[in-house]
PDB file of N, CA and C in Angstrom:
ATOM      1  N   MET A   1      40.201 -24.409  35.311  1.00  0.00           N
ATOM      2  CA  MET A   1      41.271 -23.549  34.855  1.00  0.00           C
ATOM      3  C   MET A   1      41.854 -24.180  33.587  1.00  0.00           C
ATOM      4  N   HIS A   2      42.032 -23.339  32.574  1.00  0.00           N
ATOM      5  CA  HIS A   2      42.546 -23.840  31.303  1.00  0.00           C
ATOM      6  C   HIS A   2      43.574 -22.876  30.722  1.00  0.00           C
ATOM      7  N   TYR A   3      44.591 -23.455  30.086  1.00  0.00           N
ATOM      8  CA  TYR A   3      45.594 -22.658  29.401  1.00  0.00           C
ATOM      9  C   TYR A   3      45.040 -22.140  28.079  1.00  0.00           C
ATOM     10  N   ARG A   4      45.804 -21.309  27.413  1.00  0.00           N
ATOM     11  CA  ARG A   4      45.406 -20.680  26.157  1.00  0.00           C
ATOM     12  C   ARG A   4      45.013 -21.714  25.101  1.00  0.00           C
ATOM     13  N   ASN A   5      45.676 -22.870  25.108  1.00  0.00           N
ATOM     14  CA  ASN A   5      45.368 -23.902  24.123  1.00  0.00           C
ATOM     15  C   ASN A   5      44.265 -24.852  24.574  1.00  0.00           C
ATOM     16  N   GLY A   6      43.638 -24.589  25.719  1.00  0.00           N
ATOM     17  CA  GLY A   6      42.521 -25.388  26.202  1.00  0.00           C
ATOM     18  C   GLY A   6      42.904 -26.488  27.177  1.00  0.00           C
ATOM     19  N   ARG A   7      44.196 -26.744  27.344  1.00  0.00           N
ATOM     20  CA  ARG A   7      44.650 -27.779  28.276  1.00  0.00           C
ATOM     21  C   ARG A   7      44.293 -27.387  29.714  1.00  0.00           C
ATOM     22  N   ILE A   8      43.904 -28.366  30.519  1.00  0.00           N
ATOM     23  CA  ILE A   8      43.568 -28.113  31.916  1.00  0.00           C
ATOM     24  C   ILE A   8      44.830 -27.700  32.677  1.00  0.00           C
ATOM     25  N   ALA A   9      44.707 -26.647  33.484  1.00  0.00           N
ATOM     26  CA  ALA A   9      45.822 -26.117  34.264  1.00  0.00           C
ATOM     27  C   ALA A   9      45.782 -26.662  35.681  1.00  0.00           C
ATOM     28  N   SER A  10      46.967 -26.937  36.224  1.00  0.00           N
ATOM     29  CA  SER A  10      47.077 -27.415  37.604  1.00  0.00           C
ATOM     30  C   SER A  10      48.264 -26.758  38.285  1.00  0.00           C
ATOM     31  N   ASN A  11      48.101 -26.434  39.554  1.00  0.00           N
ATOM     32  CA  ASN A  11      49.239 -25.945  40.321  1.00  0.00           C
ATOM     33  C   ASN A  11      50.358 -26.977  40.235  1.00  0.00           C
ATOM     34  N   GLY A  12      51.591 -26.511  40.095  1.00  0.00           N
ATOM     35  CA  GLY A  12      52.742 -27.394  39.961  1.00  0.00           C
ATOM     36  C   GLY A  12      53.179 -27.605  38.525  1.00  0.00           C
ATOM     37  N   ASP A  13      52.350 -27.162  37.556  1.00  0.00           N
ATOM     38  CA  ASP A  13      52.721 -27.280  36.144  1.00  0.00           C
ATOM     39  C   ASP A  13      53.873 -26.326  35.814  1.00  0.00           C
ATOM     40  N   LYS A  14      54.785 -26.756  34.952  1.00  0.00           N
ATOM     41  CA  LYS A  14      55.799 -25.856  34.400  1.00  0.00           C
ATOM     42  C   LYS A  14      55.139 -25.114  33.248  1.00  0.00           C
ATOM     43  N   VAL A  15      55.220 -23.769  33.263  1.00  0.00           N
ATOM     44  CA  VAL A  15      54.487 -22.960  32.291  1.00  0.00           C
ATOM     45  C   VAL A  15      55.341 -21.821  31.733  1.00  0.00           C
ATOM     46  N   ILE A  16      54.922 -21.304  30.582  1.00  0.00           N
ATOM     47  CA  ILE A  16      55.400 -20.015  30.093  1.00  0.00           C
ATOM     48  C   ILE A  16      54.182 -19.112  30.035  1.00  0.00           C
ATOM     49  N   GLN A  17      54.378 -17.814  30.240  1.00  0.00           N
ATOM     50  CA  GLN A  17      53.294 -16.838  30.134  1.00  0.00           C
ATOM     51  C   GLN A  17      53.527 -15.986  28.900  1.00  0.00           C
ATOM     52  N   LEU A  18      52.454 -15.727  28.157  1.00  0.00           N
ATOM     53  CA  LEU A  18      52.499 -14.909  26.953  1.00  0.00           C
ATOM     54  C   LEU A  18      51.761 -13.608  27.194  1.00  0.00           C
ATOM     55  N   ASP A  19      52.214 -12.529  26.548  1.00  0.00           N
ATOM     56  CA  ASP A  19      51.461 -11.279  26.621  1.00  0.00           C
ATOM     57  C   ASP A  19      50.383 -11.292  25.539  1.00  0.00           C
ATOM     58  N   PHE A  20      49.669 -10.183  25.377  1.00  0.00           N
ATOM     59  CA  PHE A  20      48.572 -10.122  24.408  1.00  0.00           C
ATOM     60  C   PHE A  20      49.051 -10.318  22.973  1.00  0.00           C
ATOM     61  N   ALA A  21      50.332 -10.055  22.688  1.00  0.00           N
ATOM     62  CA  ALA A  21      50.886 -10.189  21.343  1.00  0.00           C
ATOM     63  C   ALA A  21      51.578 -11.538  21.134  1.00  0.00           C
ATOM     64  N   GLY A  22      51.533 -12.432  22.125  1.00  0.00           N
ATOM     65  CA  GLY A  22      52.140 -13.740  21.987  1.00  0.00           C
ATOM     66  C   GLY A  22      53.609 -13.794  22.331  1.00  0.00           C
ATOM     67  N   LYS A  23      54.134 -12.750  22.961  1.00  0.00           N
ATOM     68  CA  LYS A  23      55.539 -12.731  23.381  1.00  0.00           C
ATOM     69  C   LYS A  23      55.668 -13.395  24.754  1.00  0.00           C
ATOM     70  N   VAL A  24      56.721 -14.190  24.937  1.00  0.00           N
ATOM     71  CA  VAL A  24      56.962 -14.856  26.214  1.00  0.00           C
ATOM     72  C   VAL A  24      57.405 -13.815  27.240  1.00  0.00           C
ATOM     73  N   THR A  25      56.709 -13.759  28.375  1.00  0.00           N
ATOM     74  CA  THR A  25      57.033 -12.776  29.412  1.00  0.00           C
ATOM     75  C   THR A  25      57.528 -13.415  30.709  1.00  0.00           C
ATOM     76  N   ALA A  26      57.249 -14.707  30.920  1.00  0.00           N
ATOM     77  CA  ALA A  26      57.691 -15.383  32.143  1.00  0.00           C
ATOM     78  C   ALA A  26      57.659 -16.882  31.928  1.00  0.00           C
ATOM     79  N   PHE A  27      58.475 -17.580  32.710  1.00  0.00           N
ATOM     80  CA  PHE A  27      58.390 -19.038  32.745  1.00  0.00           C
ATOM     81  C   PHE A  27      58.748 -19.516  34.140  1.00  0.00           C
ATOM     82  N   GLY A  28      58.128 -20.638  34.521  1.00  0.00           N
ATOM     83  CA  GLY A  28      58.356 -21.172  35.852  1.00  0.00           C
ATOM     84  C   GLY A  28      57.289 -22.180  36.212  1.00  0.00           C
ATOM     85  N   VAL A  29      56.982 -22.280  37.507  1.00  0.00           N
ATOM     86  CA  VAL A  29      56.007 -23.242  38.013  1.00  0.00           C
ATOM     87  C   VAL A  29      54.759 -22.497  38.486  1.00  0.00           C
ATOM     88  N   LEU A  30      53.598 -22.920  37.988  1.00  0.00           N
ATOM     89  CA  LEU A  30      52.325 -22.323  38.398  1.00  0.00           C
ATOM     90  C   LEU A  30      52.007 -22.717  39.837  1.00  0.00           C
ATOM     91  N   HIS A  31      51.612 -21.719  40.640  1.00  0.00           N
ATOM     92  CA  HIS A  31      51.176 -22.014  42.007  1.00  0.00           C
ATOM     93  C   HIS A  31      50.112 -21.006  42.432  1.00  0.00           C
ATOM     94  N   SER A  32      49.388 -21.347  43.469  1.00  0.00           N
ATOM     95  CA  SER A  32      48.368 -20.491  44.085  1.00  0.00           C
ATOM     96  C   SER A  32      47.186 -20.180  43.180  1.00  0.00           C
ATOM     97  N   ALA A  33      46.988 -20.965  42.127  1.00  0.00           N
ATOM     98  CA  ALA A  33      45.823 -20.782  41.259  1.00  0.00           C
ATOM     99  C   ALA A  33      44.621 -21.482  41.881  1.00  0.00           C
ATOM    100  N   THR A  34      43.431 -20.883  41.735  1.00  0.00           N
ATOM    101  CA  THR A  34      42.210 -21.474  42.285  1.00  0.00           C
ATOM    102  C   THR A  34      41.248 -21.815  41.159  1.00  0.00           C
ATOM    103  N   ALA A  35      40.564 -22.919  41.299  1.00  0.00           N
ATOM    104  CA  ALA A  35      39.648 -23.412  40.272  1.00  0.00           C
ATOM    105  C   ALA A  35      38.540 -22.409  39.965  1.00  0.00           C
ATOM    106  N   GLY A  36      38.091 -22.409  38.710  1.00  0.00           N
ATOM    107  CA  GLY A  36      36.966 -21.584  38.307  1.00  0.00           C
ATOM    108  C   GLY A  36      37.337 -20.249  37.713  1.00  0.00           C
ATOM    109  N   ASN A  37      38.611 -19.971  37.524  1.00  0.00           N
ATOM    110  CA  ASN A  37      39.020 -18.674  36.999  1.00  0.00           C
ATOM    111  C   ASN A  37      40.234 -18.847  36.089  1.00  0.00           C
ATOM    112  N   ASP A  38      40.109 -18.445  34.826  1.00  0.00           N
ATOM    113  CA  ASP A  38      41.214 -18.529  33.874  1.00  0.00           C
ATOM    114  C   ASP A  38      41.980 -17.216  33.751  1.00  0.00           C
ATOM    115  N   TYR A  39      41.530 -16.155  34.409  1.00  0.00           N
ATOM    116  CA  TYR A  39      42.130 -14.824  34.268  1.00  0.00           C
ATOM    117  C   TYR A  39      42.659 -14.314  35.605  1.00  0.00           C
ATOM    118  N   CYS A  40      43.846 -13.708  35.589  1.00  0.00           N
ATOM    119  CA  CYS A  40      44.458 -13.100  36.788  1.00  0.00           C
ATOM    120  C   CYS A  40      44.377 -14.044  37.985  1.00  0.00           C
ATOM    121  N   ASN A  41      44.837 -15.251  37.794  1.00  0.00           N
ATOM    122  CA  ASN A  41      44.687 -16.300  38.794  1.00  0.00           C
ATOM    123  C   ASN A  41      46.017 -17.000  38.975  1.00  0.00           C
ATOM    124  N   GLY A  42      46.548 -17.036  40.189  1.00  0.00           N
ATOM    125  CA  GLY A  42      47.770 -17.754  40.475  1.00  0.00           C
ATOM    126  C   GLY A  42      49.012 -16.908  40.301  1.00  0.00           C
ATOM    127  N   ALA A  43      50.159 -17.569  40.443  1.00  0.00           N
ATOM    128  CA  ALA A  43      51.456 -16.913  40.323  1.00  0.00           C
ATOM    129  C   ALA A  43      52.432 -17.895  39.687  1.00  0.00           C
ATOM    130  N   ILE A  44      53.543 -17.355  39.182  1.00  0.00           N
ATOM    131  CA  ILE A  44      54.568 -18.180  38.561  1.00  0.00           C
ATOM    132  C   ILE A  44      55.850 -18.040  39.369  1.00  0.00           C
ATOM    133  N   ALA A  45      56.329 -19.170  39.910  1.00  0.00           N
ATOM    134  CA  ALA A  45      57.581 -19.186  40.651  1.00  0.00           C
ATOM    135  C   ALA A  45      58.715 -19.481  39.667  1.00  0.00           C
ATOM    136  N   PRO A  46      59.737 -18.629  39.619  1.00  0.00           N
ATOM    137  CA  PRO A  46      60.843 -18.879  38.695  1.00  0.00           C
ATOM    138  C   PRO A  46      61.585 -20.150  39.082  1.00  0.00           C
ATOM    139  N   ILE A  47      62.107 -20.858  38.080  1.00  0.00           N
ATOM    140  CA  ILE A  47      62.811 -22.108  38.339  1.00  0.00           C
ATOM    141  C   ILE A  47      64.248 -22.086  37.820  1.00  0.00           C
ATOM    142  N   GLN A  48      64.662 -21.001  37.234  1.00  0.00           N
ATOM    143  CA  GLN A  48      66.008 -20.905  36.661  1.00  0.00           C
ATOM    144  C   GLN A  48      67.064 -20.900  37.754  1.00  0.00           C
ATOM    145  N   GLN A  49      68.083 -21.737  37.612  1.00  0.00           N
ATOM    146  CA  GLN A  49      69.212 -21.719  38.524  1.00  0.00           C
ATOM    147  C   GLN A  49      70.047 -20.478  38.224  1.00  0.00           C
ATOM    148  N   ALA A  50      70.827 -20.045  39.206  1.00  0.00           N
ATOM    149  CA  ALA A  50      71.655 -18.850  39.016  1.00  0.00           C
ATOM    150  C   ALA A  50      72.587 -19.004  37.824  1.00  0.00           C
ATOM    151  N   ILE A  51      73.225 -20.151  37.691  1.00  0.00           N
ATOM    152  CA  ILE A  51      74.088 -20.413  36.544  1.00  0.00           C
ATOM    153  C   ILE A  51      73.759 -21.805  36.027  1.00  0.00           C
ATOM    154  N   THR A  52      73.418 -21.893  34.754  1.00  0.00           N
ATOM    155  CA  THR A  52      73.113 -23.161  34.119  1.00  0.00           C
ATOM    156  C   THR A  52      73.993 -23.293  32.891  1.00  0.00           C
ATOM    157  N   GLY A  53      74.691 -24.399  32.777  1.00  0.00           N
ATOM    158  CA  GLY A  53      75.509 -24.641  31.594  1.00  0.00           C
ATOM    159  C   GLY A  53      74.630 -24.747  30.357  1.00  0.00           C
ATOM    160  N   ALA A  54      75.107 -24.259  29.232  1.00  0.00           N
ATOM    161  CA  ALA A  54      74.310 -24.261  28.002  1.00  0.00           C
ATOM    162  C   ALA A  54      74.943 -25.158  26.954  1.00  0.00           C
ATOM    163  N   CYS A  55      74.265 -26.246  26.640  1.00  0.00           N
ATOM    164  CA  CYS A  55      74.617 -27.065  25.488  1.00  0.00           C
ATOM    165  C   CYS A  55      73.762 -26.496  24.354  1.00  0.00           C
ATOM    166  N   ILE A  56      74.345 -25.673  23.507  1.00  0.00           N
ATOM    167  CA  ILE A  56      73.599 -24.878  22.526  1.00  0.00           C
ATOM    168  C   ILE A  56      72.692 -25.736  21.653  1.00  0.00           C
ATOM    169  N   VAL A  57      73.107 -26.941  21.314  1.00  0.00           N
ATOM    170  CA  VAL A  57      72.292 -27.805  20.466  1.00  0.00           C
ATOM    171  C   VAL A  57      70.974 -28.195  21.149  1.00  0.00           C
ATOM    172  N   ASP A  58      70.885 -28.028  22.464  1.00  0.00           N
ATOM    173  CA  ASP A  58      69.662 -28.328  23.207  1.00  0.00           C
ATOM    174  C   ASP A  58      68.821 -27.091  23.493  1.00  0.00           C
ATOM    175  N   CYS A  59      69.208 -25.932  22.967  1.00  0.00           N
ATOM    176  CA  CYS A  59      68.522 -24.668  23.244  1.00  0.00           C
ATOM    177  C   CYS A  59      67.729 -24.185  22.031  1.00  0.00           C
ATOM    178  N   LEU A  60      66.729 -23.363  22.301  1.00  0.00           N
ATOM    179  CA  LEU A  60      65.969 -22.664  21.257  1.00  0.00           C
ATOM    180  C   LEU A  60      65.958 -21.178  21.601  1.00  0.00           C
ATOM    181  N   HIS A  61      66.047 -20.332  20.590  1.00  0.00           N
ATOM    182  CA  HIS A  61      65.959 -18.885  20.791  1.00  0.00           C
ATOM    183  C   HIS A  61      64.513 -18.526  21.087  1.00  0.00           C
ATOM    184  N   ILE A  62      64.303 -17.599  22.002  1.00  0.00           N
ATOM    185  CA  ILE A  62      62.952 -17.212  22.413  1.00  0.00           C
ATOM    186  C   ILE A  62      62.109 -16.718  21.237  1.00  0.00           C
ATOM    187  N   GLU A  63      62.722 -16.017  20.276  1.00  0.00           N
ATOM    188  CA  GLU A  63      61.969 -15.538  19.105  1.00  0.00           C
ATOM    189  C   GLU A  63      61.466 -16.704  18.260  1.00  0.00           C
ATOM    190  N   ASP A  64      62.228 -17.792  18.200  1.00  0.00           N
ATOM    191  CA  ASP A  64      61.778 -18.972  17.453  1.00  0.00           C
ATOM    192  C   ASP A  64      60.609 -19.655  18.151  1.00  0.00           C
ATOM    193  N   ILE A  65      60.634 -19.676  19.480  1.00  0.00           N
ATOM    194  CA  ILE A  65      59.512 -20.237  20.236  1.00  0.00           C
ATOM    195  C   ILE A  65      58.264 -19.385  20.014  1.00  0.00           C
ATOM    196  N   GLU A  66      58.425 -18.055  20.060  1.00  0.00           N
ATOM    197  CA  GLU A  66      57.284 -17.159  19.830  1.00  0.00           C
ATOM    198  C   GLU A  66      56.728 -17.335  18.421  1.00  0.00           C
ATOM    199  N   LYS A  67      57.583 -17.599  17.447  1.00  0.00           N
ATOM    200  CA  LYS A  67      57.121 -17.838  16.066  1.00  0.00           C
ATOM    201  C   LYS A  67      56.304 -19.127  15.999  1.00  0.00           C
ATOM    202  N   MET A  68      56.770 -20.176  16.685  1.00  0.00           N
ATOM    203  CA  MET A  68      56.017 -21.431  16.708  1.00  0.00           C
ATOM    204  C   MET A  68      54.657 -21.230  17.369  1.00  0.00           C
ATOM    205  N   ILE A  69      54.624 -20.416  18.414  1.00  0.00           N
ATOM    206  CA  ILE A  69      53.361 -20.120  19.090  1.00  0.00           C
ATOM    207  C   ILE A  69      52.398 -19.428  18.127  1.00  0.00           C
ATOM    208  N   ALA A  70      52.914 -18.476  17.355  1.00  0.00           N
ATOM    209  CA  ALA A  70      52.081 -17.760  16.384  1.00  0.00           C
ATOM    210  C   ALA A  70      51.602 -18.701  15.279  1.00  0.00           C
ATOM    211  N   GLU A  71      52.464 -19.599  14.820  1.00  0.00           N
ATOM    212  CA  GLU A  71      52.082 -20.552  13.770  1.00  0.00           C
ATOM    213  C   GLU A  71      50.944 -21.453  14.221  1.00  0.00           C
ATOM    214  N   LYS A  72      50.880 -21.745  15.502  1.00  0.00           N
ATOM    215  CA  LYS A  72      49.799 -22.559  16.067  1.00  0.00           C
ATOM    216  C   LYS A  72      48.591 -21.702  16.452  1.00  0.00           C
ATOM    217  N   GLN A  73      48.661 -20.404  16.139  1.00  0.00           N
ATOM    218  CA  GLN A  73      47.607 -19.431  16.426  1.00  0.00           C
ATOM    219  C   GLN A  73      47.297 -19.339  17.922  1.00  0.00           C
ATOM    220  N   LEU A  74      48.336 -19.466  18.745  1.00  0.00           N
ATOM    221  CA  LEU A  74      48.177 -19.334  20.189  1.00  0.00           C
ATOM    222  C   LEU A  74      48.704 -17.991  20.685  1.00  0.00           C
ATOM    223  N   ASP A  75      49.028 -17.097  19.749  1.00  0.00           N
ATOM    224  CA  ASP A  75      49.581 -15.792  20.118  1.00  0.00           C
ATOM    225  C   ASP A  75      48.504 -14.793  20.512  1.00  0.00           C
ATOM    226  N   LYS A  76      47.251 -15.103  20.301  1.00  0.00           N
ATOM    227  CA  LYS A  76      46.145 -14.219  20.655  1.00  0.00           C
ATOM    228  C   LYS A  76      45.427 -14.747  21.892  1.00  0.00           C
ATOM    229  N   ARG A  77      45.158 -13.847  22.825  1.00  0.00           N
ATOM    230  CA  ARG A  77      44.467 -14.225  24.062  1.00  0.00           C
ATOM    231  C   ARG A  77      42.997 -14.515  23.761  1.00  0.00           C
ATOM    232  N   PRO A  78      42.430 -15.590  24.341  1.00  0.00           N
ATOM    233  CA  PRO A  78      41.018 -15.884  24.121  1.00  0.00           C
ATOM    234  C   PRO A  78      40.126 -14.787  24.686  1.00  0.00           C
ATOM    235  N   VAL A  79      38.971 -14.625  24.091  1.00  0.00           N
ATOM    236  CA  VAL A  79      37.991 -13.655  24.564  1.00  0.00           C
ATOM    237  C   VAL A  79      37.460 -14.114  25.911  1.00  0.00           C
ATOM    238  N   GLY A  80      37.287 -13.187  26.853  1.00  0.00           N
ATOM    239  CA  GLY A  80      36.772 -13.501  28.185  1.00  0.00           C
ATOM    240  C   GLY A  80      35.373 -14.096  28.136  1.00  0.00           C
ATOM    241  N   LYS A  81      35.072 -14.872  29.143  1.00  0.00           N
ATOM    242  CA  LYS A  81      33.757 -15.538  29.204  1.00  0.00           C
ATOM    243  C   LYS A  81      32.770 -14.704  29.971  1.00  0.00           C
TER     244      LYS A  81
END
């Protein structure tokens, strides 16, 4: 199992999910993924607390993260094998 950037995926990893256009659609902990399949495999458990204090200097806007993803050319889904 490998992420979009080629890194090996493991259950328990903290992840973000991107759509076909590179927009962030989910974030959380990967679970229930099985080896040998990079597509439609596993689930993401949300990890956000109901209320989390925000120190703005430690935050990034989601659009800025999506821009960084595009700059690294990770906004396009790899072709299926």
